[in-house]
Amino acid sequence: SETSIQGLFAAGEVVGGAYCGEEGASQLCRCLVMGALAGRNAASFVEGMKSTMIKEHEWQAVTSRVMGFVSRSWTESAEAVRKNINKLVYNAMGPIRDGNILEKTLRELEAIDKKIYSFKIENPSDLQNALEAENMLVLAKALLGAGFRRQESRCPHFRSDFPQRDDNWFKQIIISMDKKNQLEFTEETITVSS
């Protein structure tokens, strides 16, 4: 499925829909099939492109982002922050989730967000870790924010503080970024047609 960003394709639960009752190998099959479809669609998109020339305003934004990291002389290790984000998400977003842990982890991620531009960049590997940490932070806040908002248990998404399924919560959570690059969460009721 193509996202709202032209040429960016997605696969899996992120494209919406309900995947209840699917566990283990069944989910792996869905992942492989949807990944292959997204890959084919991305390849077709690239083949149909007339030009791969990047416009100046497009590369200037990327250059300024990279230079934002390189021009600072701080001492925070990007690799350590990246590993910390990984650990926080792993501990909070397992098969059994708890609202208090999700909320605490979201606060910890916000604290990391405040120091994201204090990375020490001395070589290309440091820059790669810094860019990965920044992207991982956005994704982590999106995952935990959605998990915190879903106050029910459904299929593989189990909340220990909301152990029952709530059919009033038959919704998908839409995550987007506002003009200030802050995450916005909206809920959309899923309608089932027969």
N, C-alpha and C. Protein backbone atom coordinates (compact mmCIF):
# COMPACT_ATOMS: atom_id res chain seq x y z
N SER A 1 0.84 -1.18 0.00
CA SER A 1 0.00 0.00 0.00
C SER A 1 0.89 1.25 0.00
N GLU A 2 0.58 2.20 -0.86
CA GLU A 2 1.35 3.44 -0.90
C GLU A 2 0.85 4.37 0.20
N THR A 3 1.77 5.02 0.86
CA THR A 3 1.41 5.93 1.95
C THR A 3 1.05 7.30 1.36
N SER A 4 0.80 8.27 2.24
CA SER A 4 0.49 9.62 1.77
C SER A 4 1.73 10.31 1.21
N ILE A 5 2.90 9.69 1.38
CA ILE A 5 4.14 10.20 0.81
C ILE A 5 4.39 9.46 -0.50
N GLN A 6 4.38 10.17 -1.61
CA GLN A 6 4.52 9.54 -2.91
C GLN A 6 5.81 8.72 -2.97
N GLY A 7 5.67 7.45 -3.36
CA GLY A 7 6.82 6.57 -3.51
C GLY A 7 7.20 5.82 -2.25
N LEU A 8 6.53 6.09 -1.12
CA LEU A 8 6.81 5.37 0.13
C LEU A 8 5.70 4.34 0.34
N PHE A 9 6.10 3.07 0.38
CA PHE A 9 5.14 1.98 0.50
C PHE A 9 5.27 1.32 1.87
N ALA A 10 4.16 0.78 2.36
CA ALA A 10 4.14 0.15 3.68
C ALA A 10 3.50 -1.23 3.58
N ALA A 11 3.82 -2.06 4.57
CA ALA A 11 3.24 -3.41 4.62
C ALA A 11 2.97 -3.78 6.06
N GLY A 12 2.02 -4.68 6.26
CA GLY A 12 1.73 -5.17 7.61
C GLY A 12 0.59 -4.40 8.25
N GLU A 13 0.51 -4.50 9.57
CA GLU A 13 -0.59 -3.89 10.31
C GLU A 13 -0.63 -2.38 10.15
N VAL A 14 0.50 -1.78 9.81
CA VAL A 14 0.56 -0.34 9.67
C VAL A 14 -0.37 0.17 8.57
N VAL A 15 -0.73 -0.66 7.61
CA VAL A 15 -1.61 -0.22 6.53
C VAL A 15 -3.08 -0.32 6.92
N GLY A 16 -3.37 -0.79 8.12
CA GLY A 16 -4.75 -0.82 8.61
C GLY A 16 -5.37 -2.19 8.51
N GLY A 17 -6.54 -2.29 9.07
CA GLY A 17 -7.27 -3.55 9.06
C GLY A 17 -7.10 -4.28 10.37
N ALA A 18 -7.93 -5.30 10.54
CA ALA A 18 -7.89 -6.10 11.77
C ALA A 18 -7.30 -7.46 11.45
N TYR A 19 -6.39 -7.92 12.29
CA TYR A 19 -5.71 -9.19 12.06
C TYR A 19 -5.92 -10.11 13.25
N CYS A 20 -7.14 -10.22 13.71
CA CYS A 20 -7.41 -11.03 14.90
C CYS A 20 -7.33 -12.51 14.59
N GLY A 21 -6.92 -13.25 15.58
CA GLY A 21 -6.87 -14.70 15.47
C GLY A 21 -5.67 -15.22 14.72
N GLU A 22 -4.81 -14.34 14.26
CA GLU A 22 -3.63 -14.77 13.55
C GLU A 22 -2.44 -14.75 14.49
N GLU A 23 -1.82 -15.87 14.65
CA GLU A 23 -0.67 -15.91 15.54
C GLU A 23 0.45 -16.69 14.89
N GLY A 24 1.66 -16.42 15.34
CA GLY A 24 2.82 -17.21 14.94
C GLY A 24 3.07 -17.21 13.45
N ALA A 25 3.08 -18.41 12.87
CA ALA A 25 3.44 -18.59 11.47
C ALA A 25 2.50 -17.85 10.54
N SER A 26 1.23 -17.73 10.92
CA SER A 26 0.27 -17.03 10.08
C SER A 26 0.66 -15.56 9.92
N GLN A 27 1.11 -14.93 11.01
CA GLN A 27 1.53 -13.54 10.92
C GLN A 27 2.80 -13.42 10.08
N LEU A 28 3.68 -14.39 10.17
CA LEU A 28 4.90 -14.37 9.36
C LEU A 28 4.54 -14.45 7.88
N CYS A 29 3.59 -15.30 7.53
CA CYS A 29 3.16 -15.41 6.13
C CYS A 29 2.58 -14.09 5.64
N ARG A 30 1.73 -13.46 6.46
CA ARG A 30 1.15 -12.17 6.09
C ARG A 30 2.26 -11.14 5.86
N CYS A 31 3.25 -11.14 6.74
CA CYS A 31 4.37 -10.20 6.64
C CYS A 31 5.12 -10.41 5.32
N LEU A 32 5.40 -11.65 4.99
CA LEU A 32 6.15 -11.95 3.76
C LEU A 32 5.36 -11.57 2.52
N VAL A 33 4.06 -11.88 2.49
CA VAL A 33 3.23 -11.59 1.32
C VAL A 33 3.06 -10.08 1.15
N MET A 34 2.72 -9.40 2.24
CA MET A 34 2.51 -7.95 2.14
C MET A 34 3.82 -7.22 1.83
N GLY A 35 4.93 -7.71 2.37
CA GLY A 35 6.22 -7.12 2.05
C GLY A 35 6.56 -7.28 0.59
N ALA A 36 6.27 -8.47 0.04
CA ALA A 36 6.54 -8.71 -1.38
C ALA A 36 5.67 -7.81 -2.26
N LEU A 37 4.39 -7.64 -1.88
CA LEU A 37 3.51 -6.75 -2.65
C LEU A 37 3.99 -5.31 -2.59
N ALA A 38 4.37 -4.86 -1.41
CA ALA A 38 4.88 -3.48 -1.28
C ALA A 38 6.15 -3.31 -2.10
N GLY A 39 7.03 -4.33 -2.09
CA GLY A 39 8.26 -4.28 -2.87
C GLY A 39 7.99 -4.19 -4.36
N ARG A 40 7.05 -5.00 -4.85
CA ARG A 40 6.69 -4.96 -6.27
C ARG A 40 6.13 -3.58 -6.65
N ASN A 41 5.25 -3.06 -5.79
CA ASN A 41 4.67 -1.74 -6.07
C ASN A 41 5.73 -0.65 -6.07
N ALA A 42 6.68 -0.74 -5.14
CA ALA A 42 7.77 0.25 -5.09
C ALA A 42 8.63 0.14 -6.36
N ALA A 43 8.91 -1.09 -6.79
CA ALA A 43 9.71 -1.28 -8.00
C ALA A 43 8.99 -0.72 -9.22
N SER A 44 7.68 -0.96 -9.32
CA SER A 44 6.90 -0.41 -10.44
C SER A 44 6.90 1.11 -10.40
N PHE A 45 6.80 1.66 -9.22
CA PHE A 45 6.83 3.12 -9.08
C PHE A 45 8.15 3.68 -9.61
N VAL A 46 9.27 3.06 -9.23
CA VAL A 46 10.59 3.53 -9.66
C VAL A 46 10.75 3.39 -11.17
N GLU A 47 10.29 2.26 -11.72
CA GLU A 47 10.40 2.06 -13.17
C GLU A 47 9.63 3.12 -13.95
N GLY A 48 8.52 3.59 -13.37
CA GLY A 48 7.68 4.58 -14.05
C GLY A 48 8.15 6.01 -13.87
N MET A 49 9.19 6.21 -13.09
CA MET A 49 9.69 7.57 -12.87
C MET A 49 10.39 8.09 -14.13
N LYS A 50 10.17 9.35 -14.44
CA LYS A 50 10.81 9.95 -15.60
C LYS A 50 12.22 10.41 -15.28
N SER A 51 12.43 10.85 -14.04
CA SER A 51 13.73 11.40 -13.69
C SER A 51 14.03 11.11 -12.22
N THR A 52 15.28 10.90 -11.93
CA THR A 52 15.68 10.71 -10.54
C THR A 52 16.37 11.95 -10.01
N MET A 53 16.27 13.04 -10.74
CA MET A 53 16.90 14.29 -10.30
C MET A 53 16.20 14.79 -9.05
N ILE A 54 17.00 15.17 -8.08
CA ILE A 54 16.47 15.70 -6.83
C ILE A 54 16.50 17.22 -6.92
N LYS A 55 15.37 17.82 -6.57
CA LYS A 55 15.28 19.27 -6.62
C LYS A 55 16.05 19.88 -5.46
N GLU A 56 16.57 21.09 -5.67
CA GLU A 56 17.42 21.74 -4.67
C GLU A 56 16.73 21.85 -3.32
N HIS A 57 15.46 22.23 -3.29
CA HIS A 57 14.78 22.39 -2.00
C HIS A 57 14.63 21.06 -1.26
N GLU A 58 14.63 19.95 -2.00
CA GLU A 58 14.52 18.63 -1.35
C GLU A 58 15.84 18.25 -0.67
N TRP A 59 16.96 18.45 -1.34
CA TRP A 59 18.23 18.04 -0.71
C TRP A 59 18.69 19.05 0.32
N GLN A 60 18.25 20.30 0.24
CA GLN A 60 18.67 21.30 1.23
C GLN A 60 18.14 20.93 2.62
N ALA A 61 16.91 20.42 2.70
CA ALA A 61 16.34 20.02 3.99
C ALA A 61 17.15 18.89 4.61
N VAL A 62 17.54 17.92 3.79
CA VAL A 62 18.34 16.80 4.29
C VAL A 62 19.73 17.27 4.71
N THR A 63 20.34 18.11 3.89
CA THR A 63 21.67 18.62 4.21
C THR A 63 21.65 19.40 5.51
N SER A 64 20.62 20.21 5.70
CA SER A 64 20.55 21.00 6.93
C SER A 64 20.35 20.10 8.15
N ARG A 65 19.60 19.01 7.99
CA ARG A 65 19.41 18.05 9.09
C ARG A 65 20.75 17.42 9.47
N VAL A 66 21.49 16.96 8.48
CA VAL A 66 22.79 16.33 8.74
C VAL A 66 23.76 17.34 9.35
N MET A 67 23.80 18.54 8.81
CA MET A 67 24.72 19.55 9.33
C MET A 67 24.35 19.96 10.75
N GLY A 68 23.06 19.84 11.09
CA GLY A 68 22.62 20.10 12.45
C GLY A 68 23.30 19.18 13.44
N PHE A 69 23.55 17.95 13.04
CA PHE A 69 24.27 17.01 13.90
C PHE A 69 25.77 17.30 13.89
N VAL A 70 26.33 17.48 12.71
CA VAL A 70 27.78 17.59 12.55
C VAL A 70 28.34 18.86 13.18
N SER A 71 27.57 19.95 13.14
CA SER A 71 28.09 21.23 13.60
C SER A 71 28.14 21.38 15.13
N ARG A 72 27.59 20.43 15.85
CA ARG A 72 27.61 20.52 17.31
C ARG A 72 28.81 19.77 17.88
N SER A 73 29.26 20.19 19.03
CA SER A 73 30.40 19.51 19.66
C SER A 73 30.02 19.08 21.08
N TRP A 74 29.13 18.14 21.18
CA TRP A 74 28.68 17.63 22.47
C TRP A 74 29.31 16.27 22.71
N THR A 75 28.94 15.67 23.81
CA THR A 75 29.61 14.41 24.18
C THR A 75 28.66 13.23 24.30
N GLU A 76 27.40 13.36 23.97
CA GLU A 76 26.44 12.27 24.07
C GLU A 76 26.74 11.22 22.99
N SER A 77 26.75 9.95 23.36
CA SER A 77 27.01 8.89 22.40
C SER A 77 25.71 8.50 21.69
N ALA A 78 25.66 8.72 20.37
CA ALA A 78 24.48 8.37 19.58
C ALA A 78 24.20 6.88 19.65
N GLU A 79 25.25 6.08 19.63
CA GLU A 79 25.07 4.63 19.70
C GLU A 79 24.44 4.22 21.03
N ALA A 80 24.88 4.82 22.12
CA ALA A 80 24.31 4.50 23.44
C ALA A 80 22.84 4.91 23.51
N VAL A 81 22.50 6.07 22.96
CA VAL A 81 21.11 6.52 22.96
C VAL A 81 20.26 5.59 22.10
N ARG A 82 20.78 5.19 20.95
CA ARG A 82 20.06 4.27 20.06
C ARG A 82 19.78 2.95 20.77
N LYS A 83 20.78 2.42 21.47
CA LYS A 83 20.60 1.17 22.21
C LYS A 83 19.60 1.35 23.35
N ASN A 84 19.61 2.52 24.00
CA ASN A 84 18.67 2.79 25.08
C ASN A 84 17.24 2.83 24.56
N ILE A 85 17.02 3.47 23.42
CA ILE A 85 15.68 3.51 22.81
C ILE A 85 15.21 2.09 22.52
N ASN A 86 16.11 1.30 21.95
CA ASN A 86 15.81 -0.10 21.65
C ASN A 86 15.36 -0.86 22.89
N LYS A 87 16.11 -0.70 23.97
CA LYS A 87 15.82 -1.39 25.23
C LYS A 87 14.48 -0.93 25.81
N LEU A 88 14.24 0.38 25.79
CA LEU A 88 12.99 0.91 26.33
C LEU A 88 11.77 0.35 25.59
N VAL A 89 11.84 0.35 24.26
CA VAL A 89 10.72 -0.15 23.46
C VAL A 89 10.55 -1.65 23.69
N TYR A 90 11.64 -2.39 23.72
CA TYR A 90 11.57 -3.84 23.93
C TYR A 90 10.88 -4.16 25.26
N ASN A 91 11.22 -3.42 26.31
CA ASN A 91 10.65 -3.67 27.64
C ASN A 91 9.20 -3.25 27.76
N ALA A 92 8.79 -2.22 27.03
CA ALA A 92 7.43 -1.69 27.17
C ALA A 92 6.43 -2.30 26.18
N MET A 93 6.89 -2.72 25.01
CA MET A 93 5.97 -3.13 23.95
C MET A 93 5.97 -4.63 23.69
N GLY A 94 6.18 -5.40 24.73
CA GLY A 94 6.11 -6.85 24.58
C GLY A 94 4.68 -7.32 24.40
N PRO A 95 4.46 -8.62 24.43
CA PRO A 95 3.11 -9.15 24.22
C PRO A 95 2.11 -8.70 25.29
N ILE A 96 2.59 -8.47 26.52
CA ILE A 96 1.72 -7.99 27.59
C ILE A 96 2.16 -6.57 27.94
N ARG A 97 1.25 -5.64 27.73
CA ARG A 97 1.57 -4.23 27.94
C ARG A 97 0.79 -3.69 29.14
N ASP A 98 1.35 -2.68 29.78
CA ASP A 98 0.73 -2.09 30.95
C ASP A 98 0.76 -0.57 30.79
N GLY A 99 -0.37 0.09 31.07
CA GLY A 99 -0.48 1.53 30.89
C GLY A 99 0.56 2.32 31.66
N ASN A 100 0.83 1.94 32.91
CA ASN A 100 1.81 2.67 33.71
C ASN A 100 3.21 2.58 33.10
N ILE A 101 3.57 1.39 32.61
CA ILE A 101 4.89 1.22 31.99
C ILE A 101 4.96 1.98 30.67
N LEU A 102 3.88 1.94 29.89
CA LEU A 102 3.85 2.68 28.63
C LEU A 102 4.01 4.19 28.89
N GLU A 103 3.27 4.69 29.87
CA GLU A 103 3.33 6.12 30.19
C GLU A 103 4.72 6.52 30.68
N LYS A 104 5.30 5.71 31.56
CA LYS A 104 6.65 5.98 32.08
C LYS A 104 7.67 5.97 30.93
N THR A 105 7.55 5.01 30.04
CA THR A 105 8.48 4.91 28.91
C THR A 105 8.32 6.10 27.97
N LEU A 106 7.08 6.54 27.75
CA LEU A 106 6.87 7.73 26.92
C LEU A 106 7.55 8.96 27.52
N ARG A 107 7.50 9.10 28.85
CA ARG A 107 8.20 10.21 29.51
C ARG A 107 9.71 10.09 29.31
N GLU A 108 10.24 8.86 29.40
CA GLU A 108 11.67 8.65 29.19
C GLU A 108 12.07 9.00 27.76
N LEU A 109 11.21 8.67 26.80
CA LEU A 109 11.48 9.00 25.40
C LEU A 109 11.45 10.52 25.19
N GLU A 110 10.54 11.21 25.87
CA GLU A 110 10.50 12.67 25.77
C GLU A 110 11.80 13.28 26.31
N ALA A 111 12.34 12.70 27.39
CA ALA A 111 13.62 13.18 27.94
C ALA A 111 14.75 12.97 26.94
N ILE A 112 14.72 11.83 26.25
CA ILE A 112 15.73 11.57 25.21
C ILE A 112 15.58 12.57 24.07
N ASP A 113 14.33 12.88 23.73
CA ASP A 113 14.07 13.82 22.64
C ASP A 113 14.70 15.18 22.90
N LYS A 114 14.76 15.58 24.15
CA LYS A 114 15.34 16.88 24.49
C LYS A 114 16.86 16.92 24.27
N LYS A 115 17.50 15.75 24.27
CA LYS A 115 18.96 15.74 24.08
C LYS A 115 19.38 15.10 22.76
N ILE A 116 18.44 14.93 21.85
CA ILE A 116 18.72 14.22 20.60
C ILE A 116 19.77 14.94 19.75
N TYR A 117 19.90 16.25 19.89
CA TYR A 117 20.88 16.97 19.08
C TYR A 117 22.18 17.22 19.82
N SER A 118 22.43 16.48 20.88
CA SER A 118 23.69 16.67 21.62
C SER A 118 24.66 15.52 21.38
N PHE A 119 24.52 14.87 20.23
CA PHE A 119 25.38 13.73 19.92
C PHE A 119 26.78 14.18 19.51
N LYS A 120 27.74 13.41 19.93
CA LYS A 120 29.12 13.63 19.52
C LYS A 120 29.32 12.94 18.17
N ILE A 121 29.65 13.70 17.15
CA ILE A 121 29.85 13.16 15.80
C ILE A 121 31.31 13.33 15.44
N GLU A 122 32.01 12.20 15.33
CA GLU A 122 33.43 12.24 14.97
C GLU A 122 33.74 11.50 13.68
N ASN A 123 32.79 10.67 13.22
CA ASN A 123 33.04 9.90 12.01
C ASN A 123 31.69 9.52 11.38
N PRO A 124 31.68 8.96 10.16
CA PRO A 124 30.43 8.60 9.50
C PRO A 124 29.57 7.62 10.31
N SER A 125 30.19 6.73 11.05
CA SER A 125 29.43 5.78 11.86
C SER A 125 28.63 6.50 12.95
N ASP A 126 29.24 7.52 13.56
CA ASP A 126 28.54 8.33 14.57
C ASP A 126 27.34 9.04 13.95
N LEU A 127 27.52 9.56 12.74
CA LEU A 127 26.43 10.25 12.05
C LEU A 127 25.30 9.27 11.74
N GLN A 128 25.65 8.07 11.27
CA GLN A 128 24.63 7.05 10.99
C GLN A 128 23.85 6.71 12.25
N ASN A 129 24.56 6.51 13.38
CA ASN A 129 23.88 6.20 14.64
C ASN A 129 22.98 7.35 15.09
N ALA A 130 23.42 8.59 14.87
CA ALA A 130 22.62 9.75 15.26
C ALA A 130 21.33 9.82 14.44
N LEU A 131 21.44 9.62 13.13
CA LEU A 131 20.25 9.65 12.27
C LEU A 131 19.32 8.49 12.61
N GLU A 132 19.88 7.31 12.86
CA GLU A 132 19.05 6.16 13.25
C GLU A 132 18.36 6.42 14.58
N ALA A 133 19.08 6.99 15.54
CA ALA A 133 18.49 7.26 16.85
C ALA A 133 17.34 8.25 16.72
N GLU A 134 17.52 9.27 15.89
CA GLU A 134 16.46 10.26 15.70
C GLU A 134 15.22 9.60 15.09
N ASN A 135 15.41 8.77 14.06
CA ASN A 135 14.29 8.09 13.42
C ASN A 135 13.65 7.06 14.36
N MET A 136 14.48 6.33 15.10
CA MET A 136 13.96 5.34 16.06
C MET A 136 13.13 6.02 17.13
N LEU A 137 13.53 7.20 17.55
CA LEU A 137 12.79 7.94 18.58
C LEU A 137 11.39 8.29 18.10
N VAL A 138 11.27 8.77 16.87
CA VAL A 138 9.96 9.09 16.31
C VAL A 138 9.09 7.83 16.26
N LEU A 139 9.65 6.75 15.73
CA LEU A 139 8.90 5.49 15.63
C LEU A 139 8.52 4.96 17.01
N ALA A 140 9.43 5.02 17.97
CA ALA A 140 9.15 4.53 19.32
C ALA A 140 8.01 5.31 19.95
N LYS A 141 8.03 6.65 19.80
CA LYS A 141 6.95 7.46 20.37
C LYS A 141 5.62 7.17 19.68
N ALA A 142 5.65 6.87 18.39
CA ALA A 142 4.42 6.52 17.67
C ALA A 142 3.88 5.17 18.18
N LEU A 143 4.75 4.17 18.30
CA LEU A 143 4.31 2.84 18.77
C LEU A 143 3.76 2.90 20.18
N LEU A 144 4.51 3.51 21.08
CA LEU A 144 4.07 3.57 22.47
C LEU A 144 2.85 4.46 22.64
N GLY A 145 2.79 5.55 21.89
CA GLY A 145 1.61 6.43 21.96
C GLY A 145 0.35 5.71 21.53
N ALA A 146 0.44 4.93 20.45
CA ALA A 146 -0.72 4.17 19.99
C ALA A 146 -1.07 3.06 20.99
N GLY A 147 -0.05 2.36 21.50
CA GLY A 147 -0.30 1.30 22.49
C GLY A 147 -0.92 1.83 23.76
N PHE A 148 -0.53 3.03 24.17
CA PHE A 148 -1.08 3.65 25.38
C PHE A 148 -2.53 4.06 25.16
N ARG A 149 -2.85 4.54 23.97
CA ARG A 149 -4.22 5.00 23.69
C ARG A 149 -5.22 3.85 23.56
N ARG A 150 -4.75 2.69 23.09
CA ARG A 150 -5.67 1.55 22.93
C ARG A 150 -5.92 0.92 24.29
N GLN A 151 -7.06 1.28 24.89
CA GLN A 151 -7.37 0.83 26.24
C GLN A 151 -8.30 -0.37 26.21
N GLU A 152 -7.78 -1.46 25.68
CA GLU A 152 -8.49 -2.73 25.59
C GLU A 152 -7.48 -3.80 25.23
N SER A 153 -7.94 -5.05 25.20
CA SER A 153 -7.12 -6.15 24.70
C SER A 153 -7.84 -6.75 23.51
N ARG A 154 -7.09 -6.96 22.43
CA ARG A 154 -7.66 -7.52 21.21
C ARG A 154 -6.58 -8.32 20.50
N CYS A 155 -6.87 -9.58 20.28
CA CYS A 155 -5.94 -10.46 19.58
C CYS A 155 -4.56 -10.43 20.22
N PRO A 156 -3.49 -10.15 19.46
CA PRO A 156 -2.17 -10.19 20.09
C PRO A 156 -1.83 -8.94 20.89
N HIS A 157 -2.71 -7.93 20.90
CA HIS A 157 -2.46 -6.69 21.65
C HIS A 157 -3.13 -6.81 23.01
N PHE A 158 -2.37 -7.17 24.04
CA PHE A 158 -2.93 -7.40 25.37
C PHE A 158 -2.46 -6.33 26.33
N ARG A 159 -3.42 -5.69 27.01
CA ARG A 159 -3.12 -4.70 28.04
C ARG A 159 -3.51 -5.31 29.39
N SER A 160 -2.55 -5.45 30.29
CA SER A 160 -2.83 -6.04 31.59
C SER A 160 -3.79 -5.18 32.41
N ASP A 161 -3.80 -3.86 32.17
CA ASP A 161 -4.71 -2.97 32.89
C ASP A 161 -6.07 -2.85 32.21
N PHE A 162 -6.21 -3.36 31.00
CA PHE A 162 -7.48 -3.43 30.28
C PHE A 162 -7.57 -4.81 29.63
N PRO A 163 -7.79 -5.87 30.44
CA PRO A 163 -7.68 -7.24 29.91
C PRO A 163 -8.85 -7.68 29.02
N GLN A 164 -9.94 -6.93 29.01
CA GLN A 164 -11.10 -7.33 28.22
C GLN A 164 -11.14 -6.62 26.88
N ARG A 165 -11.73 -7.30 25.92
CA ARG A 165 -11.97 -6.68 24.62
C ARG A 165 -13.12 -5.70 24.77
N ASP A 166 -13.02 -4.55 24.12
CA ASP A 166 -14.07 -3.53 24.18
C ASP A 166 -14.47 -3.21 22.75
N ASP A 167 -15.66 -3.66 22.34
CA ASP A 167 -16.07 -3.45 20.95
C ASP A 167 -16.36 -1.99 20.62
N ASN A 168 -16.45 -1.14 21.63
CA ASN A 168 -16.52 0.30 21.37
C ASN A 168 -15.16 0.81 20.89
N TRP A 169 -14.12 -0.02 21.08
CA TRP A 169 -12.77 0.35 20.68
C TRP A 169 -12.38 -0.34 19.38
N PHE A 170 -13.35 -0.59 18.52
CA PHE A 170 -13.06 -1.21 17.22
C PHE A 170 -12.62 -0.08 16.28
N LYS A 171 -11.40 0.39 16.50
CA LYS A 171 -10.89 1.57 15.80
C LYS A 171 -9.46 1.33 15.35
N GLN A 172 -9.03 2.14 14.43
CA GLN A 172 -7.62 2.19 14.09
C GLN A 172 -7.10 3.56 14.52
N ILE A 173 -5.84 3.58 14.90
CA ILE A 173 -5.22 4.82 15.35
C ILE A 173 -4.38 5.35 14.19
N ILE A 174 -4.68 6.55 13.77
CA ILE A 174 -3.97 7.20 12.67
C ILE A 174 -2.90 8.11 13.29
N ILE A 175 -1.67 7.93 12.88
CA ILE A 175 -0.57 8.73 13.42
C ILE A 175 0.00 9.58 12.29
N SER A 176 0.11 10.87 12.56
CA SER A 176 0.68 11.79 11.58
C SER A 176 1.55 12.81 12.31
N MET A 177 2.24 13.63 11.54
CA MET A 177 3.06 14.68 12.13
C MET A 177 2.47 16.03 11.76
N ASP A 178 2.44 16.94 12.75
CA ASP A 178 1.94 18.28 12.45
C ASP A 178 3.07 19.12 11.85
N LYS A 179 2.79 20.40 11.63
CA LYS A 179 3.78 21.27 10.98
C LYS A 179 5.00 21.53 11.84
N LYS A 180 4.91 21.25 13.16
CA LYS A 180 6.04 21.43 14.05
C LYS A 180 6.76 20.10 14.32
N ASN A 181 6.48 19.10 13.48
CA ASN A 181 7.07 17.76 13.60
C ASN A 181 6.73 17.06 14.91
N GLN A 182 5.53 17.34 15.44
CA GLN A 182 5.04 16.65 16.62
C GLN A 182 4.03 15.59 16.19
N LEU A 183 4.03 14.45 16.85
CA LEU A 183 3.10 13.38 16.50
C LEU A 183 1.68 13.76 16.89
N GLU A 184 0.75 13.43 16.01
CA GLU A 184 -0.68 13.61 16.28
C GLU A 184 -1.34 12.25 16.16
N PHE A 185 -2.22 11.93 17.09
CA PHE A 185 -2.94 10.66 17.10
C PHE A 185 -4.42 10.94 16.94
N THR A 186 -5.04 10.31 15.96
CA THR A 186 -6.49 10.39 15.80
C THR A 186 -7.03 8.97 15.70
N GLU A 187 -8.27 8.82 16.08
CA GLU A 187 -8.89 7.50 16.06
C GLU A 187 -9.99 7.49 14.99
N GLU A 188 -10.06 6.39 14.28
CA GLU A 188 -11.06 6.24 13.22
C GLU A 188 -11.77 4.90 13.43
N THR A 189 -13.08 4.94 13.56
CA THR A 189 -13.85 3.72 13.77
C THR A 189 -13.76 2.86 12.50
N ILE A 190 -13.59 1.57 12.71
CA ILE A 190 -13.52 0.62 11.60
C ILE A 190 -14.95 0.15 11.31
N THR A 191 -15.38 0.32 10.09
CA THR A 191 -16.72 -0.16 9.71
C THR A 191 -16.55 -1.46 8.95
N VAL A 192 -17.32 -2.43 9.36
CA VAL A 192 -17.27 -3.75 8.74
C VAL A 192 -18.48 -3.89 7.84
N SER A 193 -18.24 -4.13 6.57
CA SER A 193 -19.36 -4.34 5.63
C SER A 193 -19.50 -5.83 5.38
N SER A 194 -20.74 -6.23 5.19
CA SER A 194 -20.99 -7.67 4.99
C SER A 194 -21.19 -8.00 3.54
